[in-house]
Amino acid sequence: MTEFEQMQIEQLKRIADVLEDINGTLIGMGGDIEALGECVETAPPRYVGGREHHFLRIGGSVDAGV
């Protein structure tokens, strides 16, 4: 094996490692994205000037700890 071929193999291994990391991150985000999907609401056209609009509904509370 030539030095050039060895260098190519090492580069391909690094690329494969990065792609595996990206894949793992995307899989981990899948649950979060699905949960966000439950927060998307639709405003009917009659309420927003004739066009349907989608918006993110965020709710909750804040505890001051007092």
PDB file of N, CA and C in Angstrom:
ATOM      1  N   MET A   1       0.847  -1.172   0.000  1.00  0.00           N
ATOM      2  CA  MET A   1       0.000   0.000   0.000  1.00  0.00           C
ATOM      3  C   MET A   1       0.897   1.240   0.000  1.00  0.00           C
ATOM      4  N   THR A   2       0.539   2.172  -0.857  1.00  0.00           N
ATOM      5  CA  THR A   2       1.346   3.386  -0.948  1.00  0.00           C
ATOM      6  C   THR A   2       0.973   4.357   0.177  1.00  0.00           C
ATOM      7  N   GLU A   3       1.810   5.349   0.358  1.00  0.00           N
ATOM      8  CA  GLU A   3       1.560   6.362   1.382  1.00  0.00           C
ATOM      9  C   GLU A   3       0.274   7.141   1.048  1.00  0.00           C
ATOM     10  N   PHE A   4       0.066   7.400  -0.230  1.00  0.00           N
ATOM     11  CA  PHE A   4      -1.136   8.117  -0.662  1.00  0.00           C
ATOM     12  C   PHE A   4      -2.394   7.309  -0.344  1.00  0.00           C
ATOM     13  N   GLU A   5      -2.362   6.012  -0.615  1.00  0.00           N
ATOM     14  CA  GLU A   5      -3.518   5.154  -0.329  1.00  0.00           C
ATOM     15  C   GLU A   5      -3.793   5.096   1.174  1.00  0.00           C
ATOM     16  N   GLN A   6      -2.741   5.027   1.961  1.00  0.00           N
ATOM     17  CA  GLN A   6      -2.889   5.011   3.419  1.00  0.00           C
ATOM     18  C   GLN A   6      -3.537   6.307   3.904  1.00  0.00           C
ATOM     19  N   MET A   7      -3.114   7.441   3.329  1.00  0.00           N
ATOM     20  CA  MET A   7      -3.680   8.731   3.695  1.00  0.00           C
ATOM     21  C   MET A   7      -5.174   8.781   3.323  1.00  0.00           C
ATOM     22  N   GLN A   8      -5.525   8.253   2.161  1.00  0.00           N
ATOM     23  CA  GLN A   8      -6.930   8.233   1.751  1.00  0.00           C
ATOM     24  C   GLN A   8      -7.773   7.393   2.703  1.00  0.00           C
ATOM     25  N   ILE A   9      -7.253   6.257   3.109  1.00  0.00           N
ATOM     26  CA  ILE A   9      -7.972   5.379   4.031  1.00  0.00           C
ATOM     27  C   ILE A   9      -8.190   6.086   5.367  1.00  0.00           C
ATOM     28  N   GLU A  10      -7.184   6.763   5.869  1.00  0.00           N
ATOM     29  CA  GLU A  10      -7.319   7.490   7.134  1.00  0.00           C
ATOM     30  C   GLU A  10      -8.354   8.605   7.026  1.00  0.00           C
ATOM     31  N   GLN A  11      -8.355   9.315   5.894  1.00  0.00           N
ATOM     32  CA  GLN A  11      -9.347  10.369   5.690  1.00  0.00           C
ATOM     33  C   GLN A  11     -10.757   9.785   5.641  1.00  0.00           C
ATOM     34  N   LEU A  12     -10.917   8.677   4.956  1.00  0.00           N
ATOM     35  CA  LEU A  12     -12.235   8.035   4.871  1.00  0.00           C
ATOM     36  C   LEU A  12     -12.707   7.553   6.237  1.00  0.00           C
ATOM     37  N   LYS A  13     -11.783   7.067   7.061  1.00  0.00           N
ATOM     38  CA  LYS A  13     -12.149   6.643   8.418  1.00  0.00           C
ATOM     39  C   LYS A  13     -12.621   7.834   9.247  1.00  0.00           C
ATOM     40  N   ARG A  14     -11.918   8.976   9.113  1.00  0.00           N
ATOM     41  CA  ARG A  14     -12.333  10.184   9.843  1.00  0.00           C
ATOM     42  C   ARG A  14     -13.712  10.645   9.376  1.00  0.00           C
ATOM     43  N   ILE A  15     -13.943  10.606   8.068  1.00  0.00           N
ATOM     44  CA  ILE A  15     -15.257  10.994   7.533  1.00  0.00           C
ATOM     45  C   ILE A  15     -16.329  10.058   8.069  1.00  0.00           C
ATOM     46  N   ALA A  16     -16.060   8.768   8.090  1.00  0.00           N
ATOM     47  CA  ALA A  16     -17.031   7.795   8.605  1.00  0.00           C
ATOM     48  C   ALA A  16     -17.336   8.055  10.071  1.00  0.00           C
ATOM     49  N   ASP A  17     -16.324   8.379  10.858  1.00  0.00           N
ATOM     50  CA  ASP A  17     -16.538   8.679  12.285  1.00  0.00           C
ATOM     51  C   ASP A  17     -17.433   9.901  12.461  1.00  0.00           C
ATOM     52  N   VAL A  18     -17.185  10.943  11.678  1.00  0.00           N
ATOM     53  CA  VAL A  18     -17.995  12.158  11.771  1.00  0.00           C
ATOM     54  C   VAL A  18     -19.441  11.859  11.369  1.00  0.00           C
ATOM     55  N   LEU A  19     -19.629  11.100  10.303  1.00  0.00           N
ATOM     56  CA  LEU A  19     -20.984  10.749   9.868  1.00  0.00           C
ATOM     57  C   LEU A  19     -21.720   9.928  10.921  1.00  0.00           C
ATOM     58  N   GLU A  20     -21.021   9.038  11.602  1.00  0.00           N
ATOM     59  CA  GLU A  20     -21.637   8.262  12.675  1.00  0.00           C
ATOM     60  C   GLU A  20     -22.054   9.170  13.827  1.00  0.00           C
ATOM     61  N   ASP A  21     -21.217  10.150  14.162  1.00  0.00           N
ATOM     62  CA  ASP A  21     -21.562  11.112  15.215  1.00  0.00           C
ATOM     63  C   ASP A  21     -22.801  11.922  14.827  1.00  0.00           C
ATOM     64  N   ILE A  22     -22.844  12.377  13.579  1.00  0.00           N
ATOM     65  CA  ILE A  22     -24.002  13.136  13.102  1.00  0.00           C
ATOM     66  C   ILE A  22     -25.256  12.274  13.166  1.00  0.00           C
ATOM     67  N   ASN A  23     -25.153  11.032  12.737  1.00  0.00           N
ATOM     68  CA  ASN A  23     -26.298  10.126  12.769  1.00  0.00           C
ATOM     69  C   ASN A  23     -26.798   9.928  14.191  1.00  0.00           C
ATOM     70  N   GLY A  24     -25.891   9.726  15.130  1.00  0.00           N
ATOM     71  CA  GLY A  24     -26.280   9.543  16.524  1.00  0.00           C
ATOM     72  C   GLY A  24     -26.984  10.773  17.075  1.00  0.00           C
ATOM     73  N   THR A  25     -26.484  11.942  16.716  1.00  0.00           N
ATOM     74  CA  THR A  25     -27.100  13.187  17.172  1.00  0.00           C
ATOM     75  C   THR A  25     -28.495  13.333  16.598  1.00  0.00           C
ATOM     76  N   LEU A  26     -28.668  13.048  15.322  1.00  0.00           N
ATOM     77  CA  LEU A  26     -29.986  13.151  14.688  1.00  0.00           C
ATOM     78  C   LEU A  26     -30.978  12.172  15.309  1.00  0.00           C
ATOM     79  N   ILE A  27     -30.530  10.968  15.616  1.00  0.00           N
ATOM     80  CA  ILE A  27     -31.409   9.990  16.267  1.00  0.00           C
ATOM     81  C   ILE A  27     -31.818  10.508  17.644  1.00  0.00           C
ATOM     82  N   GLY A  28     -30.868  11.085  18.373  1.00  0.00           N
ATOM     83  CA  GLY A  28     -31.166  11.641  19.690  1.00  0.00           C
ATOM     84  C   GLY A  28     -32.146  12.795  19.630  1.00  0.00           C
ATOM     85  N   MET A  29     -32.106  13.575  18.560  1.00  0.00           N
ATOM     86  CA  MET A  29     -33.003  14.714  18.404  1.00  0.00           C
ATOM     87  C   MET A  29     -34.395  14.294  17.961  1.00  0.00           C
ATOM     88  N   GLY A  30     -34.532  13.092  17.447  1.00  0.00           N
ATOM     89  CA  GLY A  30     -35.812  12.642  16.916  1.00  0.00           C
ATOM     90  C   GLY A  30     -36.944  12.764  17.906  1.00  0.00           C
ATOM     91  N   GLY A  31     -36.729  12.349  19.137  1.00  0.00           N
ATOM     92  CA  GLY A  31     -37.767  12.427  20.155  1.00  0.00           C
ATOM     93  C   GLY A  31     -38.145  13.857  20.468  1.00  0.00           C
ATOM     94  N   ASP A  32     -37.159  14.739  20.531  1.00  0.00           N
ATOM     95  CA  ASP A  32     -37.422  16.145  20.807  1.00  0.00           C
ATOM     96  C   ASP A  32     -38.245  16.774  19.695  1.00  0.00           C
ATOM     97  N   ILE A  33     -37.932  16.453  18.450  1.00  0.00           N
ATOM     98  CA  ILE A  33     -38.649  17.022  17.318  1.00  0.00           C
ATOM     99  C   ILE A  33     -40.085  16.514  17.301  1.00  0.00           C
ATOM    100  N   GLU A  34     -40.288  15.237  17.603  1.00  0.00           N
ATOM    101  CA  GLU A  34     -41.647  14.697  17.657  1.00  0.00           C
ATOM    102  C   GLU A  34     -42.454  15.394  18.743  1.00  0.00           C
ATOM    103  N   ALA A  35     -41.839  15.659  19.884  1.00  0.00           N
ATOM    104  CA  ALA A  35     -42.532  16.352  20.970  1.00  0.00           C
ATOM    105  C   ALA A  35     -42.896  17.774  20.551  1.00  0.00           C
ATOM    106  N   LEU A  36     -42.024  18.444  19.816  1.00  0.00           N
ATOM    107  CA  LEU A  36     -42.335  19.789  19.343  1.00  0.00           C
ATOM    108  C   LEU A  36     -43.502  19.771  18.362  1.00  0.00           C
ATOM    109  N   GLY A  37     -43.611  18.697  17.594  1.00  0.00           N
ATOM    110  CA  GLY A  37     -44.708  18.584  16.641  1.00  0.00           C
ATOM    111  C   GLY A  37     -46.064  18.662  17.311  1.00  0.00           C
ATOM    112  N   GLU A  38     -46.139  18.237  18.556  1.00  0.00           N
ATOM    113  CA  GLU A  38     -47.397  18.296  19.295  1.00  0.00           C
ATOM    114  C   GLU A  38     -47.750  19.724  19.695  1.00  0.00           C
ATOM    115  N   CYS A  39     -46.816  20.648  19.593  1.00  0.00           N
ATOM    116  CA  CYS A  39     -47.041  22.042  19.991  1.00  0.00           C
ATOM    117  C   CYS A  39     -47.406  22.936  18.805  1.00  0.00           C
ATOM    118  N   VAL A  40     -47.445  22.385  17.601  1.00  0.00           N
ATOM    119  CA  VAL A  40     -47.768  23.185  16.428  1.00  0.00           C
ATOM    120  C   VAL A  40     -49.281  23.252  16.283  1.00  0.00           C
ATOM    121  N   GLU A  41     -49.783  24.460  16.159  1.00  0.00           N
ATOM    122  CA  GLU A  41     -51.217  24.700  15.997  1.00  0.00           C
ATOM    123  C   GLU A  41     -51.458  25.349  14.639  1.00  0.00           C
ATOM    124  N   THR A  42     -52.693  25.300  14.189  1.00  0.00           N
ATOM    125  CA  THR A  42     -53.074  25.928  12.935  1.00  0.00           C
ATOM    126  C   THR A  42     -54.159  26.951  13.209  1.00  0.00           C
ATOM    127  N   ALA A  43     -53.961  28.150  12.670  1.00  0.00           N
ATOM    128  CA  ALA A  43     -54.981  29.190  12.772  1.00  0.00           C
ATOM    129  C   ALA A  43     -55.783  29.153  11.470  1.00  0.00           C
ATOM    130  N   PRO A  44     -57.090  28.925  11.546  1.00  0.00           N
ATOM    131  CA  PRO A  44     -57.906  28.850  10.329  1.00  0.00           C
ATOM    132  C   PRO A  44     -57.857  30.159   9.537  1.00  0.00           C
ATOM    133  N   PRO A  45     -58.039  30.065   8.218  1.00  0.00           N
ATOM    134  CA  PRO A  45     -57.966  31.248   7.360  1.00  0.00           C
ATOM    135  C   PRO A  45     -58.895  32.382   7.787  1.00  0.00           C
ATOM    136  N   ARG A  46     -60.064  32.049   8.316  1.00  0.00           N
ATOM    137  CA  ARG A  46     -61.025  33.100   8.675  1.00  0.00           C
ATOM    138  C   ARG A  46     -60.507  33.998   9.796  1.00  0.00           C
ATOM    139  N   TYR A  47     -59.514  33.519  10.574  1.00  0.00           N
ATOM    140  CA  TYR A  47     -58.977  34.308  11.684  1.00  0.00           C
ATOM    141  C   TYR A  47     -57.727  35.106  11.313  1.00  0.00           C
ATOM    142  N   VAL A  48     -57.096  34.770  10.215  1.00  0.00           N
ATOM    143  CA  VAL A  48     -55.812  35.407   9.892  1.00  0.00           C
ATOM    144  C   VAL A  48     -55.778  35.965   8.470  1.00  0.00           C
ATOM    145  N   GLY A  49     -56.870  36.513   8.022  1.00  0.00           N
ATOM    146  CA  GLY A  49     -56.864  37.219   6.737  1.00  0.00           C
ATOM    147  C   GLY A  49     -56.890  36.339   5.505  1.00  0.00           C
ATOM    148  N   GLY A  50     -57.503  35.177   5.589  1.00  0.00           N
ATOM    149  CA  GLY A  50     -57.687  34.356   4.396  1.00  0.00           C
ATOM    150  C   GLY A  50     -56.637  33.305   4.121  1.00  0.00           C
ATOM    151  N   ARG A  51     -55.573  33.257   4.879  1.00  0.00           N
ATOM    152  CA  ARG A  51     -54.550  32.226   4.674  1.00  0.00           C
ATOM    153  C   ARG A  51     -54.349  31.453   5.967  1.00  0.00           C
ATOM    154  N   GLU A  52     -54.223  30.157   5.834  1.00  0.00           N
ATOM    155  CA  GLU A  52     -53.973  29.322   7.005  1.00  0.00           C
ATOM    156  C   GLU A  52     -52.550  29.563   7.511  1.00  0.00           C
ATOM    157  N   HIS A  53     -52.396  29.702   8.806  1.00  0.00           N
ATOM    158  CA  HIS A  53     -51.084  29.922   9.413  1.00  0.00           C
ATOM    159  C   HIS A  53     -50.824  28.835  10.446  1.00  0.00           C
ATOM    160  N   HIS A  54     -49.566  28.439  10.541  1.00  0.00           N
ATOM    161  CA  HIS A  54     -49.134  27.477  11.552  1.00  0.00           C
ATOM    162  C   HIS A  54     -48.264  28.230  12.555  1.00  0.00           C
ATOM    163  N   PHE A  55     -48.408  27.910  13.811  1.00  0.00           N
ATOM    164  CA  PHE A  55     -47.606  28.575  14.829  1.00  0.00           C
ATOM    165  C   PHE A  55     -47.244  27.577  15.921  1.00  0.00           C
ATOM    166  N   LEU A  56     -46.211  27.924  16.669  1.00  0.00           N
ATOM    167  CA  LEU A  56     -45.731  27.093  17.762  1.00  0.00           C
ATOM    168  C   LEU A  56     -46.337  27.604  19.056  1.00  0.00           C
ATOM    169  N   ARG A  57     -47.106  26.739  19.700  1.00  0.00           N
ATOM    170  CA  ARG A  57     -47.761  27.093  20.959  1.00  0.00           C
ATOM    171  C   ARG A  57     -46.830  26.702  22.104  1.00  0.00           C
ATOM    172  N   ILE A  58     -46.458  27.682  22.898  1.00  0.00           N
ATOM    173  CA  ILE A  58     -45.568  27.433  24.033  1.00  0.00           C
ATOM    174  C   ILE A  58     -46.292  27.839  25.292  1.00  0.00           C
ATOM    175  N   GLY A  59     -46.328  26.964  26.254  1.00  0.00           N
ATOM    176  CA  GLY A  59     -46.991  27.253  27.524  1.00  0.00           C
ATOM    177  C   GLY A  59     -46.146  26.743  28.668  1.00  0.00           C
ATOM    178  N   GLY A  60     -46.497  27.166  29.849  1.00  0.00           N
ATOM    179  CA  GLY A  60     -45.775  26.704  31.010  1.00  0.00           C
ATOM    180  C   GLY A  60     -45.863  27.691  32.145  1.00  0.00           C
ATOM    181  N   SER A  61     -45.043  27.468  33.121  1.00  0.00           N
ATOM    182  CA  SER A  61     -45.026  28.371  34.264  1.00  0.00           C
ATOM    183  C   SER A  61     -43.589  28.493  34.773  1.00  0.00           C
ATOM    184  N   VAL A  62     -43.395  29.530  35.542  1.00  0.00           N
ATOM    185  CA  VAL A  62     -42.083  29.781  36.121  1.00  0.00           C
ATOM    186  C   VAL A  62     -42.227  29.816  37.624  1.00  0.00           C
ATOM    187  N   ASP A  63     -41.383  29.083  38.305  1.00  0.00           N
ATOM    188  CA  ASP A  63     -41.401  29.063  39.761  1.00  0.00           C
ATOM    189  C   ASP A  63     -40.227  29.887  40.271  1.00  0.00           C
ATOM    190  N   ALA A  64     -40.524  30.901  41.045  1.00  0.00           N
ATOM    191  CA  ALA A  64     -39.479  31.783  41.566  1.00  0.00           C
ATOM    192  C   ALA A  64     -38.719  31.133  42.717  1.00  0.00           C
ATOM    193  N   GLY A  65     -39.240  30.042  43.270  1.00  0.00           N
ATOM    194  CA  GLY A  65     -38.545  29.353  44.338  1.00  0.00           C
ATOM    195  C   GLY A  65     -38.596  30.079  45.664  1.00  0.00           C
ATOM    196  N   VAL A  66     -39.541  30.975  45.806  1.00  0.00           N
ATOM    197  CA  VAL A  66     -39.657  31.748  47.069  1.00  0.00           C
ATOM    198  C   VAL A  66     -40.623  31.084  47.994  1.00  0.00           C
TER     199      VAL A  66
END
